[in-house]
């Protein structure tokens, strides 16, 4: 199924985090779905909440999504992170 910009007049996003017990750092994963596809960003934060290193960005085009839409693809990936990797939701809209 193909989508156009009119199908998604908004951007939906969700941010997950996971504490790294040995260091105290937090691993962050954020996904943003829109008409063009899914953008995933990954970064680390220190104990003070300051990001360090670089943010890794991956873009998955709508046609490359395994599910019917970028939003469904985002939620499939979110549930996988929560179920298999013990991430928690820290922000979403």
N, C-alpha and C. Protein backbone atom coordinates (compact mmCIF):
# COMPACT_ATOMS: atom_id res chain seq x y z
N UNK A 1 0.84 -1.17 0.00
CA UNK A 1 0.00 0.00 0.00
C UNK A 1 0.90 1.24 0.00
N UNK A 2 0.60 2.17 -0.89
CA UNK A 2 1.37 3.40 -0.96
C UNK A 2 0.67 4.52 -0.21
N UNK A 3 1.45 5.40 0.38
CA UNK A 3 0.92 6.53 1.13
C UNK A 3 1.44 7.82 0.52
N UNK A 4 0.66 8.86 0.65
CA UNK A 4 1.08 10.18 0.19
C UNK A 4 1.19 11.11 1.38
N UNK A 5 1.72 12.30 1.16
CA UNK A 5 1.83 13.28 2.24
C UNK A 5 0.47 13.62 2.83
N UNK A 6 -0.60 13.52 2.05
CA UNK A 6 -1.93 13.84 2.56
C UNK A 6 -2.42 12.78 3.55
N UNK A 7 -1.90 11.55 3.45
CA UNK A 7 -2.30 10.49 4.37
C UNK A 7 -1.76 10.72 5.78
N UNK A 8 -0.65 11.45 5.90
CA UNK A 8 -0.02 11.71 7.19
C UNK A 8 0.20 13.21 7.35
N UNK A 9 -0.80 13.94 7.78
CA UNK A 9 -0.61 15.38 7.96
C UNK A 9 0.12 15.70 9.27
N UNK A 10 0.79 14.72 9.84
CA UNK A 10 1.43 14.87 11.14
C UNK A 10 2.67 13.98 11.18
N UNK A 11 3.43 14.14 12.22
CA UNK A 11 4.56 13.26 12.50
C UNK A 11 4.31 12.64 13.86
N UNK A 12 4.43 11.35 13.96
CA UNK A 12 4.25 10.66 15.23
C UNK A 12 5.60 10.14 15.67
N UNK A 13 5.93 10.34 16.95
CA UNK A 13 7.23 9.89 17.43
C UNK A 13 7.13 9.24 18.79
N UNK A 14 8.14 8.45 19.11
CA UNK A 14 8.23 7.83 20.43
C UNK A 14 9.71 7.66 20.77
N UNK A 15 10.01 7.89 22.04
CA UNK A 15 11.40 7.74 22.51
C UNK A 15 11.44 6.70 23.62
N UNK A 16 12.40 5.79 23.50
CA UNK A 16 12.61 4.74 24.49
C UNK A 16 13.98 4.93 25.12
N UNK A 17 14.15 4.40 26.30
CA UNK A 17 15.46 4.46 26.96
C UNK A 17 15.70 3.17 27.74
N UNK A 18 16.97 2.90 27.94
CA UNK A 18 17.37 1.72 28.70
C UNK A 18 18.62 2.06 29.48
N UNK A 19 18.58 1.81 30.78
CA UNK A 19 19.73 2.05 31.65
C UNK A 19 20.78 0.98 31.40
N UNK A 20 22.04 1.40 31.35
CA UNK A 20 23.15 0.46 31.23
C UNK A 20 23.73 0.30 32.63
N UNK A 21 23.46 -0.83 33.29
CA UNK A 21 23.81 -1.00 34.71
C UNK A 21 25.28 -0.83 35.03
N UNK A 22 26.18 -1.29 34.19
CA UNK A 22 27.60 -1.25 34.52
C UNK A 22 28.19 0.15 34.45
N UNK A 23 27.57 1.07 33.70
CA UNK A 23 28.13 2.41 33.53
C UNK A 23 27.25 3.51 34.10
N UNK A 24 25.95 3.25 34.23
CA UNK A 24 25.03 4.28 34.67
C UNK A 24 24.52 5.14 33.52
N UNK A 25 25.06 4.92 32.32
CA UNK A 25 24.62 5.67 31.15
C UNK A 25 23.25 5.17 30.69
N UNK A 26 22.57 5.99 29.90
CA UNK A 26 21.28 5.61 29.32
C UNK A 26 21.40 5.53 27.81
N UNK A 27 20.89 4.46 27.26
CA UNK A 27 20.85 4.24 25.82
C UNK A 27 19.49 4.72 25.35
N UNK A 28 19.43 5.64 24.39
CA UNK A 28 18.18 6.20 23.89
C UNK A 28 17.92 5.76 22.46
N UNK A 29 16.67 5.51 22.17
CA UNK A 29 16.21 5.11 20.83
C UNK A 29 14.95 5.91 20.54
N UNK A 30 14.94 6.66 19.44
CA UNK A 30 13.79 7.48 19.09
C UNK A 30 13.39 7.20 17.65
N UNK A 31 12.09 7.02 17.42
CA UNK A 31 11.56 6.80 16.08
C UNK A 31 10.54 7.87 15.76
N UNK A 32 10.59 8.39 14.53
CA UNK A 32 9.64 9.38 14.04
C UNK A 32 9.08 8.88 12.71
N UNK A 33 7.75 8.73 12.66
CA UNK A 33 7.09 8.25 11.45
C UNK A 33 6.38 9.40 10.76
N UNK A 34 6.53 9.47 9.45
CA UNK A 34 5.80 10.45 8.66
C UNK A 34 5.53 9.83 7.29
N UNK A 35 5.02 10.61 6.36
CA UNK A 35 4.63 10.09 5.05
C UNK A 35 5.81 9.51 4.27
N UNK A 36 7.00 10.01 4.52
CA UNK A 36 8.16 9.55 3.77
C UNK A 36 8.74 8.25 4.32
N UNK A 37 8.45 7.94 5.57
CA UNK A 37 8.98 6.72 6.15
C UNK A 37 9.21 6.85 7.64
N UNK A 38 10.24 6.16 8.09
CA UNK A 38 10.55 6.08 9.51
C UNK A 38 12.00 6.52 9.72
N UNK A 39 12.21 7.45 10.65
CA UNK A 39 13.56 7.90 11.00
C UNK A 39 13.84 7.41 12.40
N UNK A 40 14.95 6.68 12.55
CA UNK A 40 15.33 6.14 13.86
C UNK A 40 16.65 6.78 14.26
N UNK A 41 16.69 7.28 15.49
CA UNK A 41 17.91 7.89 16.04
C UNK A 41 18.31 7.13 17.31
N UNK A 42 19.62 6.93 17.47
CA UNK A 42 20.16 6.20 18.62
C UNK A 42 21.31 7.02 19.20
N UNK A 43 21.33 7.19 20.53
CA UNK A 43 22.43 7.92 21.17
C UNK A 43 22.56 7.48 22.62
N UNK A 44 23.67 7.85 23.25
CA UNK A 44 23.93 7.58 24.67
C UNK A 44 23.91 8.89 25.44
N UNK A 45 23.45 8.82 26.69
CA UNK A 45 23.51 9.97 27.61
C UNK A 45 24.25 9.55 28.86
N UNK A 46 24.95 10.50 29.43
CA UNK A 46 25.66 10.19 30.68
C UNK A 46 24.72 10.32 31.87
N UNK A 47 25.26 10.17 33.06
CA UNK A 47 24.44 10.20 34.27
C UNK A 47 23.82 11.57 34.53
N UNK A 48 24.39 12.62 33.93
CA UNK A 48 23.86 13.99 34.08
C UNK A 48 22.78 14.29 33.03
N UNK A 49 22.56 13.37 32.09
CA UNK A 49 21.57 13.59 31.04
C UNK A 49 22.13 14.26 29.80
N UNK A 50 23.45 14.43 29.74
CA UNK A 50 24.07 15.09 28.59
C UNK A 50 24.44 14.04 27.54
N UNK A 51 23.96 14.23 26.29
CA UNK A 51 24.34 13.29 25.22
C UNK A 51 25.84 13.37 24.93
N UNK A 52 26.42 12.25 24.59
CA UNK A 52 27.80 12.26 24.16
C UNK A 52 27.96 11.32 22.98
N UNK A 53 29.11 11.41 22.34
CA UNK A 53 29.38 10.76 21.06
C UNK A 53 28.44 11.34 20.01
N UNK A 54 28.20 10.61 18.97
CA UNK A 54 27.32 11.12 17.92
C UNK A 54 26.00 10.38 17.92
N UNK A 55 25.02 11.01 17.36
CA UNK A 55 23.70 10.40 17.21
C UNK A 55 23.71 9.61 15.89
N UNK A 56 23.34 8.36 15.96
CA UNK A 56 23.25 7.53 14.76
C UNK A 56 21.84 7.64 14.21
N UNK A 57 21.71 7.95 12.92
CA UNK A 57 20.41 8.11 12.30
C UNK A 57 20.25 7.10 11.18
N UNK A 58 19.10 6.44 11.17
CA UNK A 58 18.77 5.48 10.12
C UNK A 58 17.41 5.86 9.55
N UNK A 59 17.31 5.92 8.23
CA UNK A 59 16.05 6.26 7.57
C UNK A 59 15.53 5.05 6.81
N UNK A 60 14.28 4.71 7.08
CA UNK A 60 13.62 3.59 6.40
C UNK A 60 12.48 4.17 5.59
N UNK A 61 12.58 4.11 4.27
CA UNK A 61 11.55 4.67 3.39
C UNK A 61 10.25 3.88 3.52
N UNK A 62 9.14 4.53 3.21
CA UNK A 62 7.82 3.89 3.31
C UNK A 62 7.77 2.56 2.58
N UNK A 63 8.37 2.49 1.40
CA UNK A 63 8.34 1.27 0.60
C UNK A 63 9.15 0.14 1.23
N UNK A 64 10.07 0.47 2.13
CA UNK A 64 10.92 -0.52 2.77
C UNK A 64 10.35 -1.05 4.08
N UNK A 65 9.24 -0.49 4.54
CA UNK A 65 8.63 -0.92 5.79
C UNK A 65 8.03 -2.31 5.62
N UNK A 66 8.23 -3.17 6.60
CA UNK A 66 7.66 -4.52 6.55
C UNK A 66 6.16 -4.50 6.73
N UNK A 67 5.67 -3.54 7.49
CA UNK A 67 4.23 -3.41 7.72
C UNK A 67 3.63 -2.46 6.70
N UNK A 68 2.33 -2.23 6.78
CA UNK A 68 1.65 -1.44 5.77
C UNK A 68 1.99 0.04 5.79
N UNK A 69 2.34 0.59 6.93
CA UNK A 69 2.62 2.01 7.01
C UNK A 69 3.81 2.27 7.93
N UNK A 70 4.43 3.44 7.80
CA UNK A 70 5.54 3.77 8.70
C UNK A 70 5.14 3.78 10.17
N UNK A 71 3.91 4.17 10.47
CA UNK A 71 3.46 4.18 11.88
C UNK A 71 3.35 2.76 12.42
N UNK A 72 2.81 1.85 11.63
CA UNK A 72 2.74 0.45 12.07
C UNK A 72 4.14 -0.14 12.22
N UNK A 73 5.04 0.23 11.31
CA UNK A 73 6.42 -0.24 11.40
C UNK A 73 7.08 0.29 12.67
N UNK A 74 6.83 1.56 12.99
CA UNK A 74 7.39 2.15 14.20
C UNK A 74 6.92 1.37 15.43
N UNK A 75 5.63 1.11 15.52
CA UNK A 75 5.09 0.40 16.68
C UNK A 75 5.56 -1.04 16.74
N UNK A 76 5.77 -1.68 15.60
CA UNK A 76 6.32 -3.04 15.60
C UNK A 76 7.71 -3.03 16.22
N UNK A 77 8.52 -2.06 15.82
CA UNK A 77 9.88 -1.95 16.36
C UNK A 77 9.89 -1.56 17.83
N UNK A 78 8.99 -0.67 18.24
CA UNK A 78 8.88 -0.25 19.64
C UNK A 78 8.55 -1.46 20.52
N UNK A 79 7.55 -2.21 20.12
CA UNK A 79 7.14 -3.37 20.93
C UNK A 79 8.25 -4.41 21.01
N UNK A 80 9.01 -4.55 19.95
CA UNK A 80 10.14 -5.47 19.97
C UNK A 80 11.20 -5.00 20.97
N UNK A 81 11.50 -3.70 20.98
CA UNK A 81 12.48 -3.15 21.92
C UNK A 81 12.01 -3.33 23.37
N UNK A 82 10.73 -3.08 23.61
CA UNK A 82 10.19 -3.21 24.96
C UNK A 82 10.18 -4.67 25.40
N UNK A 83 9.68 -5.55 24.55
CA UNK A 83 9.55 -6.97 24.90
C UNK A 83 10.89 -7.69 25.02
N UNK A 84 11.79 -7.44 24.10
CA UNK A 84 13.02 -8.23 24.03
C UNK A 84 14.24 -7.57 24.68
N UNK A 85 14.22 -6.24 24.80
CA UNK A 85 15.42 -5.57 25.26
C UNK A 85 15.21 -4.70 26.50
N UNK A 86 14.04 -4.79 27.11
CA UNK A 86 13.74 -4.10 28.37
C UNK A 86 13.84 -2.58 28.30
N UNK A 87 13.48 -1.99 27.17
CA UNK A 87 13.41 -0.55 27.07
C UNK A 87 12.12 -0.06 27.71
N UNK A 88 12.11 1.20 28.10
CA UNK A 88 10.88 1.82 28.63
C UNK A 88 10.58 3.06 27.79
N UNK A 89 9.32 3.45 27.75
CA UNK A 89 8.91 4.64 27.01
C UNK A 89 9.21 5.87 27.87
N UNK A 90 9.91 6.85 27.32
CA UNK A 90 10.22 8.07 28.06
C UNK A 90 9.54 9.29 27.47
N UNK A 91 9.11 9.22 26.21
CA UNK A 91 8.45 10.35 25.58
C UNK A 91 7.76 9.87 24.31
N UNK A 92 6.62 10.49 24.01
CA UNK A 92 5.92 10.13 22.78
C UNK A 92 4.83 11.11 22.46
N UNK A 93 4.50 11.20 21.18
CA UNK A 93 3.38 12.04 20.75
C UNK A 93 2.81 11.52 19.45
